[in-house]
Amino acid sequence: MRQGNSLNFSSQTGSSKASHAHSAALRLLQEAVRCNTVSSHAREEVFARMLGDVLDRAGIPFDLRVSPSGGANLTATLKGAHPGPRLVLSGHLDTVPIGDQEWSHPPFDAQIVGDRLYGRGTADMKGGVIALLMAFIDAKGRLDTMAGELVFAATYGEEIGSEGAIQMLDDEQLGAFGAMIIAEPTSNRPISAHKGALWIEVTASGRTSHSSAPDEGINAIDLIHSFRQKLDLLDLPSDPDGFLTPSTMAVTRISGGKGNNVTPDTCSMTMDFRTLPGQDHAALLKTLRSFAAGLAGDVPGSSLAVDALIDLPSVKTAANSPVIEAIQIALEGAGRGRSAVGAANYFTDASVFQRAGADIVVIGPGRADQAHQTDEFIEISEFYAAIGIYAAAIQTFLRTGSPTPPKPKGKVI
């Protein structure tokens, strides 16, 4: 891309302009995959600066903010010639670790085999981020017909609790918006709702003793075991509409004990609750703490502490919202027809961003079953299709307008 140019993804497939734009997008995606942004390493700044360079070459100003940990948030805004709503294109820069299994295609080599591009983050979600960026740059050439604002927002630390999204709102780097598109992998089908996440850590403290005299100590592992049994008393709800699967709870980690002949005086357990719209996280946390207090009261000298590690609410957007209708029109224009609107069990940055706006749709290239997998891949044809779908949805939404964006509900805490 030369200074000030935009890309053209609106030409019919097979045209020289569209082919050139697609090739440039694929090369950029390969470059992105080769950039290791595993969230625990806080390397997103390198990827963010890469995107900033692309925006700079396209003549689009951007705002890049680096966290003390090395994470980075990036936003850029295009303003149309006419007043209208603000549409945000959102994606996260980080990935999960590569895991312990051996990869057939090295995770950071970005190898192409047939219609597949392999590598960590191809599906979740560098493919979506680059597709959004390409559609965003494409919109620069259509500002004279655009009513409203288009914002590109890339965040860090989504995989470890949407840290970047929280920081972006706290820093007021992203303001109120009318609608948002998040490019998580959905096989280019719209998702209008997803569950929330409440991650809990319970820490039990007892008293150590020699294991040959267990009665002289207070076994912290036994305390955690008793707490786990209490969880069976919880009445986790189901979605009355049947749109989302029931609320769930999973114990994900237990740690305790330091020797085979020592009664453990500390033990911890983490749990992952996936929650539904309307499910009160504060009430659930209060119930868990009541369980802990009751158990500790039954065993003098013991204690159980219950702490929330992640507290992200569920998300639900009306299936007939303007942004989803714009996506449906784009899908029809791409020859795919209107799609059934789905729901997801995972969480996204929408859990945080809904405090600043409403009408959030999740749609992106890549299959959801490829997220976090060994030999993760994205189908290149679906990556190309996503760029066109996003570009068409932007034109539709910012041409037809949408309801006035709501005021932010306050900073995320």
Protein backbone atom coordinates (compact mmCIF):
# COMPACT_ATOMS: atom_id res chain seq x y z
CA MET A 1 0.00 0.00 0.00
CA ARG A 2 1.26 3.45 -0.83
CA GLN A 3 0.80 6.51 1.32
CA GLY A 4 -2.84 7.52 1.43
CA ASN A 5 -4.15 4.62 -0.63
CA SER A 6 -7.05 2.36 0.30
CA LEU A 7 -7.53 -1.23 -0.75
CA ASN A 8 -10.40 -2.32 -2.96
CA PHE A 9 -12.14 -5.53 -1.90
CA SER A 10 -15.43 -4.71 -3.55
CA SER A 11 -14.46 -5.83 -7.03
CA GLN A 12 -15.75 -9.18 -8.19
CA THR A 13 -13.63 -12.21 -7.39
CA GLY A 14 -11.09 -12.73 -10.12
CA SER A 15 -10.50 -9.06 -10.90
CA SER A 16 -6.90 -7.90 -10.79
CA LYS A 17 -7.58 -5.28 -8.11
CA ALA A 18 -9.31 -7.71 -5.77
CA SER A 19 -6.65 -10.36 -6.39
CA HIS A 20 -3.87 -7.90 -5.57
CA ALA A 21 -5.64 -6.76 -2.41
CA HIS A 22 -6.19 -10.34 -1.29
CA SER A 23 -2.56 -11.23 -1.85
CA ALA A 24 -1.46 -8.25 0.21
CA ALA A 25 -3.85 -9.25 2.99
CA LEU A 26 -2.56 -12.83 3.03
CA ARG A 27 1.04 -11.69 3.24
CA LEU A 28 0.15 -9.45 6.15
CA LEU A 29 -1.65 -12.33 7.89
CA GLN A 30 1.42 -14.52 7.48
CA GLU A 31 3.55 -11.78 8.98
CA ALA A 32 1.11 -11.51 11.88
CA VAL A 33 1.20 -15.26 12.57
CA ARG A 34 5.01 -15.20 12.61
CA CYS A 35 4.77 -12.63 15.41
CA ASN A 36 4.55 -14.60 18.68
CA THR A 37 1.89 -12.90 20.81
CA VAL A 38 1.17 -15.59 23.40
CA SER A 39 -0.72 -13.65 26.06
CA SER A 40 1.41 -14.80 28.99
CA HIS A 41 4.47 -13.25 27.32
CA ALA A 42 2.88 -9.81 26.80
CA ARG A 43 4.33 -9.37 23.30
CA GLU A 44 1.35 -7.72 21.66
CA GLU A 45 3.22 -4.43 21.23
CA VAL A 46 5.17 -5.81 18.26
CA PHE A 47 1.97 -6.88 16.51
CA ALA A 48 0.25 -3.60 17.36
CA ARG A 49 3.13 -1.60 15.87
CA MET A 50 2.96 -3.78 12.76
CA LEU A 51 -0.71 -2.81 12.34
CA GLY A 52 0.19 0.80 13.04
CA ASP A 53 2.71 0.73 10.20
CA VAL A 54 0.01 -0.55 7.84
CA LEU A 55 -2.36 2.21 8.92
CA ASP A 56 0.39 4.80 8.54
CA ARG A 57 1.12 3.69 4.99
CA ALA A 58 -2.60 4.03 4.26
CA GLY A 59 -2.55 7.58 5.60
CA ILE A 60 -4.72 6.82 8.64
CA PRO A 61 -3.73 8.20 12.08
CA PHE A 62 -3.85 5.79 15.00
CA ASP A 63 -3.57 5.78 18.78
CA LEU A 64 -1.27 3.09 20.21
CA ARG A 65 -0.96 2.76 23.99
CA VAL A 66 1.45 0.33 25.63
CA SER A 67 0.79 -1.10 29.07
CA PRO A 68 3.56 -1.49 31.67
CA SER A 69 3.45 -5.26 31.07
CA GLY A 70 4.16 -4.86 27.34
CA GLY A 71 0.60 -5.32 26.13
CA ALA A 72 -0.69 -2.80 23.62
CA ASN A 73 -4.04 -1.37 22.58
CA LEU A 74 -4.52 0.32 19.22
CA THR A 75 -7.41 2.37 17.87
CA ALA A 76 -7.96 4.28 14.63
CA THR A 77 -10.99 6.26 13.48
CA LEU A 78 -12.45 7.18 10.11
CA LYS A 79 -15.12 9.89 10.04
CA GLY A 80 -17.73 9.91 7.32
CA ALA A 81 -18.93 13.00 5.52
CA HIS A 82 -22.33 12.80 7.19
CA PRO A 83 -23.48 12.41 10.82
CA GLY A 84 -24.39 8.96 11.98
CA PRO A 85 -23.63 6.17 14.44
CA ARG A 86 -20.25 4.86 15.52
CA LEU A 87 -19.41 1.33 14.41
CA VAL A 88 -16.44 -0.41 16.06
CA LEU A 89 -14.43 -3.25 14.51
CA SER A 90 -12.81 -5.18 17.35
CA GLY A 91 -10.24 -7.94 17.63
CA HIS A 92 -7.61 -9.11 20.10
CA LEU A 93 -3.90 -9.37 19.38
CA ASP A 94 -2.90 -12.14 21.80
CA THR A 95 -3.07 -15.91 21.47
CA VAL A 96 -3.04 -18.85 23.84
CA PRO A 97 0.20 -20.85 24.29
CA ILE A 98 1.13 -23.48 21.70
CA GLY A 99 0.68 -26.39 24.13
CA ASP A 100 2.83 -29.46 24.70
CA GLN A 101 1.84 -31.55 21.69
CA GLU A 102 4.11 -31.55 18.66
CA TRP A 103 2.88 -29.52 15.69
CA SER A 104 3.00 -30.92 12.15
CA HIS A 105 3.31 -27.33 10.91
CA PRO A 106 5.48 -25.10 13.15
CA PRO A 107 3.16 -22.70 15.02
CA PHE A 108 4.95 -19.51 13.97
CA ASP A 109 5.99 -20.40 10.41
CA ALA A 110 2.67 -19.48 8.75
CA GLN A 111 2.88 -22.36 6.29
CA ILE A 112 0.35 -22.59 3.45
CA VAL A 113 -0.89 -26.01 2.37
CA GLY A 114 -3.64 -25.87 -0.22
CA ASP A 115 -6.40 -23.58 1.07
CA ARG A 116 -5.11 -23.67 4.65
CA LEU A 117 -2.78 -21.33 6.47
CA TYR A 118 -1.37 -23.00 9.59
CA GLY A 119 -0.13 -21.37 12.77
CA ARG A 120 -1.04 -20.24 16.27
CA GLY A 121 -3.65 -17.52 16.07
CA THR A 122 -4.65 -18.08 12.45
CA ALA A 123 -8.26 -18.75 13.48
CA ASP A 124 -8.23 -17.20 16.96
CA MET A 125 -7.99 -14.53 15.86
CA LYS A 126 -5.30 -12.96 13.72
CA GLY A 127 -7.23 -13.91 10.62
CA GLY A 128 -10.17 -11.91 11.90
CA VAL A 129 -8.02 -8.97 12.98
CA ILE A 130 -6.34 -8.65 9.59
CA ALA A 131 -9.66 -9.06 7.78
CA LEU A 132 -11.15 -6.24 9.88
CA LEU A 133 -8.12 -4.06 9.23
CA MET A 134 -8.35 -4.58 5.48
CA ALA A 135 -12.06 -3.73 5.48
CA PHE A 136 -11.34 -0.68 7.64
CA ILE A 137 -8.71 0.61 5.22
CA ASP A 138 -11.03 -0.12 2.30
CA ALA A 139 -13.64 2.16 3.90
CA LYS A 140 -11.23 5.10 3.70
CA GLY A 141 -12.05 5.38 0.01
CA ARG A 142 -15.79 5.71 0.72
CA LEU A 143 -15.92 8.43 3.36
CA ASP A 144 -17.94 10.76 1.13
CA THR A 145 -20.89 8.34 1.27
CA MET A 146 -20.38 7.25 4.89
CA ALA A 147 -22.69 8.49 7.65
CA GLY A 148 -21.02 8.21 11.03
CA GLU A 149 -17.70 6.94 12.33
CA LEU A 150 -15.82 3.71 11.87
CA VAL A 151 -13.36 2.65 14.58
CA PHE A 152 -10.76 -0.10 14.44
CA ALA A 153 -9.92 -1.33 17.96
CA ALA A 154 -7.28 -3.98 18.69
CA THR A 155 -6.77 -5.14 22.26
CA TYR A 156 -4.25 -7.10 24.29
CA GLY A 157 -4.80 -9.82 26.88
CA GLU A 158 -8.24 -11.07 25.82
CA GLU A 159 -7.25 -14.68 26.42
CA ILE A 160 -6.41 -13.96 30.07
CA GLY A 161 -9.54 -12.02 30.99
CA SER A 162 -10.01 -9.17 28.50
CA GLU A 163 -7.34 -7.08 30.20
CA GLY A 164 -6.82 -4.84 27.19
CA ALA A 165 -10.52 -4.14 26.72
CA ILE A 166 -10.80 -3.13 30.38
CA GLN A 167 -7.80 -0.84 29.99
CA MET A 168 -9.14 0.64 26.76
CA LEU A 169 -12.33 1.75 28.49
CA ASP A 170 -10.59 2.88 31.66
CA ASP A 171 -8.23 5.02 29.55
CA GLU A 172 -11.19 6.35 27.54
CA GLN A 173 -9.35 5.25 24.41
CA LEU A 174 -12.70 3.97 23.14
CA GLY A 175 -15.86 5.93 23.77
CA ALA A 176 -19.56 5.18 23.41
CA PHE A 177 -20.57 3.35 20.26
CA GLY A 178 -23.74 2.32 18.47
CA ALA A 179 -22.63 -1.13 17.34
CA MET A 180 -19.61 -3.42 17.30
CA ILE A 181 -18.35 -6.30 15.18
CA ILE A 182 -15.95 -8.72 16.91
CA ALA A 183 -14.00 -11.02 14.61
CA GLU A 184 -13.77 -14.22 16.67
CA PRO A 185 -13.84 -17.41 14.56
CA THR A 186 -17.43 -18.38 13.70
CA SER A 187 -17.06 -19.73 10.13
CA ASN A 188 -18.36 -16.33 9.00
CA ARG A 189 -21.74 -16.88 10.70
CA PRO A 190 -23.19 -14.27 13.08
CA ILE A 191 -23.36 -14.88 16.82
CA SER A 192 -25.55 -12.55 18.85
CA ALA A 193 -25.04 -13.92 22.37
CA HIS A 194 -22.44 -15.61 24.49
CA LYS A 195 -22.05 -16.69 28.07
CA GLY A 196 -20.31 -14.79 30.82
CA ALA A 197 -17.38 -16.10 32.84
CA LEU A 198 -16.83 -16.04 36.57
CA TRP A 199 -13.54 -17.62 37.57
CA ILE A 200 -13.29 -18.35 41.27
CA GLU A 201 -10.34 -19.32 43.46
CA VAL A 202 -10.98 -20.89 46.86
CA THR A 203 -8.04 -21.04 49.26
CA ALA A 204 -8.25 -23.23 52.36
CA SER A 205 -5.93 -22.78 55.33
CA GLY A 206 -5.55 -25.41 58.03
CA ARG A 207 -2.77 -26.61 60.32
CA THR A 208 0.11 -28.90 59.40
CA SER A 209 1.03 -32.08 61.27
CA HIS A 210 2.84 -35.34 60.69
CA SER A 211 0.69 -37.54 58.52
CA SER A 212 0.95 -40.33 61.09
CA ALA A 213 -1.00 -38.05 63.45
CA PRO A 214 -3.59 -36.42 61.18
CA ASP A 215 -5.89 -35.51 64.06
CA GLU A 216 -3.27 -33.07 65.32
CA GLY A 217 -3.57 -31.02 62.14
CA ILE A 218 -6.31 -29.53 59.99
CA ASN A 219 -6.14 -30.98 56.50
CA ALA A 220 -6.65 -28.21 53.95
CA ILE A 221 -7.28 -30.70 51.16
CA ASP A 222 -10.19 -32.12 53.17
CA LEU A 223 -11.57 -28.60 53.51
CA ILE A 224 -11.45 -28.09 49.76
CA HIS A 225 -13.07 -31.49 49.24
CA SER A 226 -15.93 -30.49 51.56
CA PHE A 227 -16.31 -27.20 49.69
CA ARG A 228 -16.49 -29.04 46.38
CA GLN A 229 -19.31 -31.19 47.75
CA LYS A 230 -21.22 -28.02 48.69
CA LEU A 231 -21.16 -26.94 45.04
CA ASP A 232 -23.59 -29.74 44.23
CA LEU A 233 -26.22 -27.69 46.10
CA LEU A 234 -26.05 -24.90 43.53
CA ASP A 235 -29.04 -24.57 41.22
CA LEU A 236 -27.47 -23.35 38.01
CA PRO A 237 -30.11 -21.93 35.63
CA SER A 238 -31.06 -22.75 32.08
CA ASP A 239 -31.89 -20.25 29.35
CA PRO A 240 -35.71 -19.98 29.27
CA ASP A 241 -35.52 -19.29 25.54
CA GLY A 242 -33.27 -22.30 24.91
CA PHE A 243 -30.93 -20.10 22.87
CA LEU A 244 -27.89 -20.64 25.09
CA THR A 245 -26.97 -23.92 26.74
CA PRO A 246 -27.44 -24.08 30.55
CA SER A 247 -25.07 -22.38 32.95
CA THR A 248 -22.13 -24.60 33.88
CA MET A 249 -19.45 -25.01 36.52
CA ALA A 250 -16.13 -26.80 36.12
CA VAL A 251 -13.30 -27.33 38.60
CA THR A 252 -10.20 -26.51 36.59
CA ARG A 253 -7.33 -26.72 39.05
CA ILE A 254 -6.52 -28.06 42.55
CA SER A 255 -3.20 -27.53 44.28
CA GLY A 256 -2.21 -28.65 47.76
CA GLY A 257 0.29 -30.62 49.78
CA LYS A 258 4.09 -30.53 49.96
CA GLY A 259 5.08 -33.99 51.13
CA ASN A 260 3.79 -37.53 51.38
CA ASN A 261 4.19 -37.54 55.16
CA VAL A 262 2.83 -34.07 55.94
CA THR A 263 -0.78 -33.07 56.55
CA PRO A 264 -1.29 -30.11 54.16
CA ASP A 265 -2.07 -26.76 55.74
CA THR A 266 -2.96 -25.01 52.47
CA CYS A 267 -4.92 -26.02 49.39
CA SER A 268 -6.51 -24.05 46.57
CA MET A 269 -9.09 -24.80 43.91
CA THR A 270 -10.15 -22.79 40.89
CA MET A 271 -13.54 -23.02 39.20
CA ASP A 272 -14.93 -21.71 35.94
CA PHE A 273 -18.60 -20.72 35.94
CA ARG A 274 -20.15 -19.96 32.54
CA THR A 275 -23.20 -17.83 33.10
CA LEU A 276 -26.35 -16.71 31.29
CA PRO A 277 -27.92 -13.29 30.66
CA GLY A 278 -29.58 -12.17 33.87
CA GLN A 279 -27.48 -14.45 36.08
CA ASP A 280 -26.21 -12.40 39.04
CA HIS A 281 -22.48 -12.89 39.56
CA ALA A 282 -22.53 -10.98 42.84
CA ALA A 283 -25.26 -13.23 44.23
CA LEU A 284 -23.38 -16.34 43.14
CA LEU A 285 -20.20 -15.08 44.77
CA LYS A 286 -22.13 -14.34 47.97
CA THR A 287 -23.46 -17.91 48.02
CA LEU A 288 -19.97 -19.36 47.58
CA ARG A 289 -18.63 -17.24 50.41
CA SER A 290 -21.51 -18.39 52.60
CA PHE A 291 -20.52 -22.00 51.91
CA ALA A 292 -16.92 -21.20 52.85
CA ALA A 293 -17.86 -19.42 56.06
CA GLY A 294 -20.06 -22.32 57.14
CA LEU A 295 -17.33 -24.89 56.59
CA ALA A 296 -14.72 -22.82 58.39
CA GLY A 297 -17.12 -22.36 61.31
CA ASP A 298 -17.44 -26.11 61.63
CA VAL A 299 -13.64 -26.55 61.88
CA PRO A 300 -12.11 -24.18 64.47
CA GLY A 301 -8.71 -22.90 63.41
CA SER A 302 -9.45 -23.17 59.68
CA SER A 303 -10.38 -20.60 57.05
CA LEU A 304 -11.58 -20.57 53.47
CA ALA A 305 -11.23 -17.49 51.25
CA VAL A 306 -13.23 -17.07 48.04
CA ASP A 307 -11.94 -14.64 45.41
CA ALA A 308 -13.09 -13.76 41.89
CA LEU A 309 -10.26 -13.99 39.36
CA ILE A 310 -12.35 -12.98 36.34
CA ASP A 311 -15.83 -11.47 36.39
CA LEU A 312 -17.19 -11.01 32.87
CA PRO A 313 -20.95 -10.82 32.23
CA SER A 314 -22.79 -12.53 29.41
CA VAL A 315 -23.79 -10.72 26.22
CA LYS A 316 -27.00 -10.77 24.20
CA THR A 317 -27.98 -8.67 21.19
CA ALA A 318 -31.37 -8.77 19.49
CA ALA A 319 -31.26 -10.92 16.36
CA ASN A 320 -32.97 -8.13 14.38
CA SER A 321 -30.56 -5.38 15.46
CA PRO A 322 -29.27 -3.03 12.72
CA VAL A 323 -25.71 -4.39 12.84
CA ILE A 324 -26.85 -8.00 12.48
CA GLU A 325 -29.14 -6.97 9.63
CA ALA A 326 -26.14 -5.32 7.95
CA ILE A 327 -24.21 -8.58 8.31
CA GLN A 328 -27.11 -10.55 6.84
CA ILE A 329 -27.28 -8.22 3.84
CA ALA A 330 -23.53 -8.64 3.37
CA LEU A 331 -23.85 -12.43 3.53
CA GLU A 332 -26.60 -12.32 0.92
CA GLY A 333 -24.44 -10.13 -1.28
CA ALA A 334 -21.62 -12.66 -0.98
CA GLY A 335 -23.94 -15.38 -2.25
CA ARG A 336 -24.16 -17.13 1.13
CA GLY A 337 -27.75 -16.29 1.96
CA ARG A 338 -29.03 -15.18 5.33
CA SER A 339 -27.56 -17.14 8.21
CA ALA A 340 -29.17 -18.50 11.34
CA VAL A 341 -27.97 -16.37 14.26
CA GLY A 342 -26.12 -18.44 16.83
CA ALA A 343 -24.81 -18.30 20.38
CA ALA A 344 -21.53 -19.33 22.01
CA ASN A 345 -20.37 -20.80 25.30
CA TYR A 346 -17.10 -18.86 25.33
CA PHE A 347 -16.64 -15.20 26.27
CA THR A 348 -15.20 -12.34 24.21
CA ASP A 349 -14.20 -8.72 24.77
CA ALA A 350 -17.89 -7.94 24.26
CA SER A 351 -18.38 -8.77 27.96
CA VAL A 352 -16.37 -5.64 28.72
CA PHE A 353 -17.23 -3.43 25.75
CA GLN A 354 -20.99 -3.71 26.30
CA ARG A 355 -20.50 -1.15 29.08
CA ALA A 356 -19.78 1.43 26.37
CA GLY A 357 -22.38 0.43 23.81
CA ALA A 358 -24.91 -2.07 22.61
CA ASP A 359 -25.67 -4.21 19.57
CA ILE A 360 -22.56 -6.39 19.41
CA VAL A 361 -22.24 -9.18 16.86
CA VAL A 362 -19.47 -11.78 16.76
CA ILE A 363 -18.52 -13.00 13.28
CA GLY A 364 -15.20 -13.99 11.83
CA PRO A 365 -13.28 -16.32 9.53
CA GLY A 366 -11.94 -19.56 10.88
CA ARG A 367 -13.69 -22.42 12.58
CA ALA A 368 -14.40 -22.23 16.30
CA ASP A 369 -13.13 -25.79 16.74
CA GLN A 370 -9.68 -24.64 15.61
CA ALA A 371 -9.28 -22.19 18.49
CA HIS A 372 -6.55 -23.21 20.95
CA GLN A 373 -5.77 -26.37 18.96
CA THR A 374 -2.50 -27.96 17.87
CA ASP A 375 -1.99 -27.39 14.12
CA GLU A 376 -4.51 -24.54 14.20
CA PHE A 377 -5.42 -23.32 10.73
CA ILE A 378 -7.66 -20.95 8.82
CA GLU A 379 -9.08 -21.54 5.35
CA ILE A 380 -7.68 -18.83 3.12
CA SER A 381 -10.87 -18.63 1.05
CA GLU A 382 -12.85 -17.92 4.24
CA PHE A 383 -10.33 -15.26 5.24
CA TYR A 384 -10.82 -13.55 1.88
CA ALA A 385 -14.60 -13.91 2.20
CA ALA A 386 -14.55 -12.25 5.63
CA ILE A 387 -12.87 -9.15 4.25
CA GLY A 388 -15.64 -8.73 1.69
CA ILE A 389 -18.38 -9.44 4.25
CA TYR A 390 -16.97 -6.84 6.65
CA ALA A 391 -16.53 -4.27 3.89
CA ALA A 392 -20.12 -4.73 2.68
CA ALA A 393 -21.55 -4.68 6.23
CA ILE A 394 -19.72 -1.41 6.95
CA GLN A 395 -21.17 0.20 3.85
CA THR A 396 -24.68 -0.95 4.71
CA PHE A 397 -24.60 -0.04 8.40
CA LEU A 398 -23.05 3.38 7.99
CA ARG A 399 -25.28 4.19 5.06
CA THR A 400 -28.60 3.20 6.61
CA GLY A 401 -27.75 4.28 10.16
CA SER A 402 -28.73 2.83 13.49
CA PRO A 403 -30.11 4.01 16.84
CA THR A 404 -28.27 6.74 18.72
CA PRO A 405 -25.42 5.14 20.70
CA PRO A 406 -26.11 4.86 24.44
CA LYS A 407 -24.05 6.66 27.03
CA PRO A 408 -21.32 4.52 28.63
CA LYS A 409 -22.46 2.72 31.76
CA GLY A 410 -19.26 3.59 33.64
CA LYS A 411 -15.73 2.35 33.84
CA VAL A 412 -15.01 -1.33 34.14
CA ILE A 413 -13.74 -2.42 37.52
